[in-house]
Structure formats: C-alpha cells, structure tokens
Amino acid sequence: MKYTSVALLLLSSLGLVACQQEKPAEDKDQVKIEQTQDAAAELKTDAEKQAYALGASLGQYLNQQLTIQEETGVELDRKLVIKGIIAAAEDKSVLSSEQVQEQITALRTLVTAKQAEKAEAAGAENVKAGEAYLAENAKREGVKVTESGLQYEVIKQGDGPKPKEQDTVKVHYKGTLLDGTEFDSSYSRNQPAVFPLNRVIAGWTEGLQLMNVGSTYRFHIPAELAYGSRSTGKITPNSTLIFDVELLSIEDTSAAD
C-alpha cells in the first residue's frame, strides 16, 4: 500500500480529511461514509488488507491518545500529527530522532502533570461531596454509623452465621458512586465474588463482619475506608462509595489447606 493510502486512513481516523473542510457540517458524515466505502473497495488482496489494518491500528491508537490528552487540557494540532506521520513514513521528517524523542518526553511530562492536576482537583471535590453526603445520610432513619465512620443500613436481615476477618466469603454486590454511576457489579456478570475478608477494602472487611449469611446490607463507605487518594476505573481519588452487598455464604477453605 502506498503512503498516500495510509495517510488517507489516518486522516479519516482522526477526522481530518481535507475535503470535509469544504463541506457543510451536515454533509461530513456522508463524506466519511463515501471515503470509507472507496477505501474498502481498493482492498483486494490479503496483503492490502493487512497493510490497511496496520494503518487502522495506528490511527485508532493515535485517536485514543489524543482524546486522552485533550481531556487533560493538552490539545495538539491533529493536522500536524498527520504531517509528522507522513513525513516520517517517507523519511522526510524535519525533526531529528533526538529532537523527536526530546519533544515526546516533554509531551509525556506535560500530560502527566496535567493528569495529576486534574486528579488533585477531582480529589478535592470528592472530599467535599463525600463529607456533605455522609453528614446528611447519617441522619436518615435506619442508617447506622460505626466508630470508624462506616455507614450501613439493613436491606434484608438473614439468620446465618457472621464471618470473621480471616474467613473467605461469597457475595453478590453492586457498587455505585455518589452520582449513581455503577462502577462494578457481580450481578451484571452473573457471577458471585469469592474472597478473603482481610484482602479487600477496609469498609468491606469491617462491614461484612456485621452481616449474617443471608443478609443484604447497603454500605456507605468513606474514602479512607475505600481507595483513599487512589483512582481505579471510574473511581476517582477520595471517592465515597456505596455498595449493596448480599452475603451468600462463608466458604469452607479447610480442604484446600
């Protein structure tokens, strides 16, 4: 495949096809469809398809990386990104290898700093939101607060035994953020979770020991009993978390010893 075909693919992937600039906004989607159809029609052999796929993979990666950077406030001229790709592919880069590495290192440093700033700001907002939520939630009827600050309410009370910290338990659960965003659910996977109580977040280690097998509780977990200043998936730093937890059983692990 010629370099121009790769360039066209990347331009399409990043939304920079030149003729789009000459079309009104309402025609852009149709332009993309036509260009995709034209490009697909040119792919006749496996070698051509593989070459195109390699370019598509590069375009998708670049689009993801540029989008991540833009979310942190670092916006790059996508036209220049394409120019750099074409120039390097044709061995006509205006920057030396050393200069390219220098600028990429500087870009990574900038993006990392912006991500840290964004995380710090989000963490500060989460602290305020969590404190306000827990203060109000503690006033609701049926909500109990432990000495550690864990809040819980009984949705369904079972009559089985209570687990100890060293026990392994089987549970179904759903976790949400304060805005209702679901970040994890064993129900969605249709697969209960099995884990030792002393190897999960502190809010779970404490909370599940309050439960009898057969119970369902709702836990409102302060950040310091959850992931603290760490972030994971949809959970941003200092997030207060809400879990609905159904304790299915205490597992017998003696056979595995």
Protein backbone atom coordinates (compact mmCIF):
# COMPACT_ATOMS: atom_id res chain seq x y z
CA MET A 1 0.00 0.00 0.00
CA LYS A 2 1.26 3.48 -0.84
CA TYR A 3 1.97 6.07 1.84
CA THR A 4 -0.90 8.21 0.50
CA SER A 5 -3.37 5.42 1.29
CA VAL A 6 -2.04 5.18 4.85
CA ALA A 7 -2.28 8.93 5.20
CA LEU A 8 -5.89 8.89 4.00
CA LEU A 9 -6.72 6.25 6.56
CA LEU A 10 -5.15 8.23 9.38
CA LEU A 11 -6.86 11.41 8.23
CA SER A 12 -10.17 9.58 8.32
CA SER A 13 -9.44 8.06 11.73
CA LEU A 14 -8.67 11.45 13.22
CA GLY A 15 -11.47 13.32 11.49
CA LEU A 16 -9.14 15.44 9.37
CA VAL A 17 -9.94 14.55 5.78
CA ALA A 18 -9.32 17.72 3.82
CA CYS A 19 -12.50 17.64 1.79
CA GLN A 20 -14.54 17.70 5.00
CA GLN A 21 -13.39 21.26 5.48
CA GLU A 22 -15.04 22.19 2.20
CA LYS A 23 -18.35 20.58 3.14
CA PRO A 24 -21.02 21.97 5.48
CA ALA A 25 -21.27 20.23 8.85
CA GLU A 26 -24.38 18.25 7.87
CA ASP A 27 -22.52 16.60 4.97
CA LYS A 28 -19.50 15.40 6.95
CA ASP A 29 -20.97 12.04 7.96
CA GLN A 30 -21.86 11.28 4.34
CA VAL A 31 -18.34 12.23 3.26
CA LYS A 32 -16.86 9.82 5.81
CA ILE A 33 -19.13 7.00 4.60
CA GLU A 34 -18.21 7.56 0.96
CA GLN A 35 -14.50 7.69 1.72
CA THR A 36 -14.69 4.52 3.81
CA GLN A 37 -16.52 2.72 1.01
CA ASP A 38 -13.98 3.90 -1.58
CA ALA A 39 -11.05 2.79 0.59
CA ALA A 40 -12.63 -0.60 1.27
CA ALA A 41 -13.18 -1.19 -2.44
CA GLU A 42 -9.44 -0.80 -3.07
CA LEU A 43 -8.58 -3.68 -0.73
CA LYS A 44 -8.45 -6.77 -2.90
CA THR A 45 -5.64 -8.96 -1.56
CA ASP A 46 -4.85 -10.13 1.96
CA ALA A 47 -1.60 -8.16 1.82
CA GLU A 48 -3.51 -4.96 1.07
CA LYS A 49 -5.99 -5.64 3.84
CA GLN A 50 -3.20 -6.35 6.30
CA ALA A 51 -1.41 -3.15 5.35
CA TYR A 52 -4.63 -1.21 5.79
CA ALA A 53 -5.28 -2.92 9.13
CA LEU A 54 -1.83 -1.89 10.35
CA GLY A 55 -2.61 1.72 9.48
CA ALA A 56 -6.06 1.44 11.06
CA SER A 57 -4.50 0.16 14.28
CA LEU A 58 -2.11 3.12 14.33
CA GLY A 59 -4.93 5.55 13.63
CA GLN A 60 -7.10 4.14 16.39
CA TYR A 61 -4.23 4.30 18.87
CA LEU A 62 -3.45 7.89 17.96
CA ASN A 63 -7.07 8.91 18.22
CA GLN A 64 -7.33 7.36 21.70
CA GLN A 65 -4.12 9.03 22.88
CA LEU A 66 -5.07 12.44 21.52
CA THR A 67 -8.51 12.18 23.12
CA ILE A 68 -6.97 11.28 26.49
CA GLN A 69 -4.62 14.26 26.21
CA GLU A 70 -7.43 16.61 25.25
CA GLU A 71 -9.38 15.52 28.34
CA THR A 72 -6.47 16.76 30.47
CA GLY A 73 -6.37 20.09 28.63
CA VAL A 74 -3.42 19.28 26.35
CA GLU A 75 -4.61 19.83 22.79
CA LEU A 76 -2.39 19.16 19.80
CA ASP A 77 -2.93 20.22 16.20
CA ARG A 78 -4.12 16.98 14.63
CA LYS A 79 -3.15 18.17 11.16
CA LEU A 80 0.45 18.43 12.32
CA VAL A 81 0.21 14.95 13.83
CA ILE A 82 -0.75 13.63 10.38
CA LYS A 83 2.02 15.62 8.70
CA GLY A 84 4.53 14.15 11.10
CA ILE A 85 3.33 10.60 10.36
CA ILE A 86 3.53 11.07 6.59
CA ALA A 87 6.91 12.77 6.75
CA ALA A 88 8.39 10.05 8.96
CA ALA A 89 6.91 7.30 6.76
CA GLU A 90 8.62 8.91 3.74
CA ASP A 91 11.85 9.51 5.70
CA LYS A 92 11.41 13.27 5.35
CA SER A 93 10.92 14.32 8.97
CA VAL A 94 12.05 17.89 9.69
CA LEU A 95 13.00 16.78 13.23
CA SER A 96 15.92 14.52 14.00
CA SER A 97 15.40 11.32 16.01
CA GLU A 98 16.89 13.07 19.02
CA GLN A 99 14.54 16.03 18.64
CA VAL A 100 11.54 13.73 18.25
CA GLN A 101 12.43 11.88 21.44
CA GLU A 102 13.02 15.16 23.27
CA GLN A 103 9.60 16.51 22.31
CA ILE A 104 7.80 13.25 23.07
CA THR A 105 9.41 13.19 26.51
CA ALA A 106 8.35 16.78 27.11
CA LEU A 107 4.80 15.94 25.97
CA ARG A 108 4.58 12.97 28.32
CA THR A 109 5.83 15.09 31.19
CA LEU A 110 3.22 17.75 30.43
CA VAL A 111 0.38 15.24 30.15
CA THR A 112 1.41 13.55 33.39
CA ALA A 113 1.46 16.91 35.18
CA LYS A 114 -1.96 17.82 33.80
CA GLN A 115 -3.37 14.45 34.82
CA ALA A 116 -2.02 14.96 38.33
CA GLU A 117 -3.59 18.43 38.50
CA LYS A 118 -6.91 17.06 37.30
CA ALA A 119 -6.79 14.19 39.80
CA GLU A 120 -5.96 16.58 42.64
CA ALA A 121 -8.86 18.85 41.73
CA ALA A 122 -11.22 15.90 41.43
CA GLY A 123 -9.99 14.56 44.76
CA ALA A 124 -10.66 17.87 46.50
CA GLU A 125 -14.18 18.00 45.07
CA ASN A 126 -14.78 14.39 46.10
CA VAL A 127 -13.75 15.15 49.68
CA LYS A 128 -16.32 17.95 49.91
CA ALA A 129 -19.03 15.91 48.23
CA GLY A 130 -18.32 12.87 50.40
CA GLU A 131 -18.39 14.81 53.66
CA ALA A 132 -21.66 16.50 52.74
CA TYR A 133 -23.25 13.23 51.63
CA LEU A 134 -22.23 11.27 54.72
CA ALA A 135 -23.36 14.06 57.06
CA GLU A 136 -26.84 14.05 55.54
CA ASN A 137 -27.02 10.29 55.08
CA ALA A 138 -26.26 9.68 58.76
CA LYS A 139 -29.50 11.49 59.63
CA ARG A 140 -31.68 9.10 57.66
CA GLU A 141 -33.79 6.59 59.53
CA GLY A 142 -32.27 3.14 59.52
CA VAL A 143 -28.70 4.28 58.83
CA LYS A 144 -26.16 3.25 61.45
CA VAL A 145 -22.66 4.65 61.83
CA THR A 146 -19.74 2.68 63.25
CA GLU A 147 -16.82 4.12 65.17
CA SER A 148 -14.66 4.09 62.04
CA GLY A 149 -17.19 6.19 60.12
CA LEU A 150 -18.65 3.34 58.07
CA GLN A 151 -22.37 3.80 57.48
CA TYR A 152 -24.72 0.91 56.78
CA GLU A 153 -28.37 0.04 56.57
CA VAL A 154 -30.08 -3.32 56.57
CA ILE A 155 -31.97 -4.11 53.38
CA LYS A 156 -32.64 -7.73 54.32
CA GLN A 157 -31.67 -9.44 57.57
CA GLY A 158 -30.52 -13.04 57.36
CA ASP A 159 -30.17 -15.52 60.21
CA GLY A 160 -26.98 -17.37 59.27
CA PRO A 161 -23.58 -17.09 60.95
CA LYS A 162 -21.39 -13.98 60.79
CA PRO A 163 -17.99 -14.20 59.10
CA LYS A 164 -14.71 -13.39 60.81
CA GLU A 165 -11.88 -11.33 59.36
CA GLN A 166 -9.94 -14.44 58.36
CA ASP A 167 -12.90 -16.08 56.62
CA THR A 168 -13.48 -16.37 52.89
CA VAL A 169 -16.94 -15.27 51.79
CA LYS A 170 -19.14 -15.50 48.72
CA VAL A 171 -21.15 -12.38 47.90
CA HIS A 172 -23.18 -10.66 45.26
CA TYR A 173 -22.72 -6.91 45.14
CA LYS A 174 -23.21 -3.69 43.22
CA GLY A 175 -21.02 -0.60 43.67
CA THR A 176 -22.00 2.95 42.73
CA LEU A 177 -20.59 6.44 43.04
CA LEU A 178 -22.50 9.26 44.72
CA ASP A 179 -23.97 10.34 41.39
CA GLY A 180 -25.40 6.87 40.83
CA THR A 181 -22.75 5.71 38.34
CA GLU A 182 -22.30 1.95 38.62
CA PHE A 183 -18.61 1.04 38.59
CA ASP A 184 -18.81 -2.67 39.39
CA SER A 185 -21.42 -5.39 39.81
CA SER A 186 -21.24 -9.14 40.28
CA TYR A 187 -24.93 -9.20 39.35
CA SER A 188 -24.09 -7.85 35.89
CA ARG A 189 -21.52 -10.60 35.45
CA ASN A 190 -23.95 -13.18 36.88
CA GLN A 191 -21.04 -14.46 38.94
CA PRO A 192 -20.76 -14.08 42.73
CA ALA A 193 -17.42 -12.91 44.10
CA VAL A 194 -15.38 -15.07 46.47
CA PHE A 195 -12.59 -13.51 48.52
CA PRO A 196 -10.90 -13.48 51.94
CA LEU A 197 -12.31 -10.69 54.09
CA ASN A 198 -8.86 -9.49 55.09
CA ARG A 199 -7.86 -8.81 51.48
CA VAL A 200 -10.45 -6.22 50.48
CA ILE A 201 -11.01 -2.55 51.29
CA ALA A 202 -11.36 -1.75 54.98
CA GLY A 203 -15.03 -0.81 54.63
CA TRP A 204 -15.81 -4.29 53.35
CA THR A 205 -13.65 -6.07 55.92
CA GLU A 206 -15.49 -4.28 58.71
CA GLY A 207 -18.94 -4.22 57.17
CA LEU A 208 -19.31 -7.84 56.18
CA GLN A 209 -18.45 -8.95 59.70
CA LEU A 210 -21.64 -7.19 60.80
CA MET A 211 -23.73 -9.33 58.45
CA ASN A 212 -25.35 -12.71 58.93
CA VAL A 213 -25.32 -15.07 55.97
CA GLY A 214 -28.50 -14.43 54.00
CA SER A 215 -28.42 -10.67 54.69
CA THR A 216 -28.26 -7.80 52.25
CA TYR A 217 -26.77 -4.53 53.51
CA ARG A 218 -26.09 -1.18 51.92
CA PHE A 219 -22.75 0.30 52.88
CA HIS A 220 -21.84 3.96 52.53
CA ILE A 221 -18.07 3.89 52.68
CA PRO A 222 -15.91 6.98 53.29
CA ALA A 223 -12.88 7.31 51.02
CA GLU A 224 -10.46 6.50 53.82
CA LEU A 225 -12.15 3.11 54.22
CA ALA A 226 -12.22 2.55 50.46
CA TYR A 227 -9.50 3.52 47.97
CA GLY A 228 -8.39 6.78 49.58
CA SER A 229 -6.45 9.03 47.19
CA ARG A 230 -6.03 6.25 44.65
CA SER A 231 -8.09 6.04 41.48
CA THR A 232 -9.21 2.89 39.72
CA GLY A 233 -11.52 2.68 36.73
CA LYS A 234 -14.46 5.02 37.27
CA ILE A 235 -13.46 5.61 40.87
CA THR A 236 -11.60 8.91 41.19
CA PRO A 237 -9.44 9.96 44.19
CA ASN A 238 -11.16 10.39 47.57
CA SER A 239 -14.45 8.91 46.36
CA THR A 240 -17.14 7.92 48.84
CA LEU A 241 -18.61 4.64 47.62
CA ILE A 242 -21.98 2.94 48.00
CA PHE A 243 -22.25 -0.84 47.93
CA ASP A 244 -25.26 -3.13 48.07
CA VAL A 245 -23.85 -6.43 49.35
CA GLU A 246 -25.63 -9.78 49.65
CA LEU A 247 -23.75 -12.28 51.84
CA LEU A 248 -24.40 -15.67 50.27
CA SER A 249 -22.12 -17.93 52.29
CA ILE A 250 -18.96 -18.38 54.30
CA GLU A 251 -16.71 -20.68 52.29
CA ASP A 252 -15.08 -23.77 53.77
CA THR A 253 -11.43 -23.50 52.78
CA SER A 254 -10.15 -26.28 55.04
CA ALA A 255 -9.99 -28.77 52.16
CA ALA A 256 -7.56 -26.51 50.33
CA ASP A 257 -5.15 -26.35 53.29
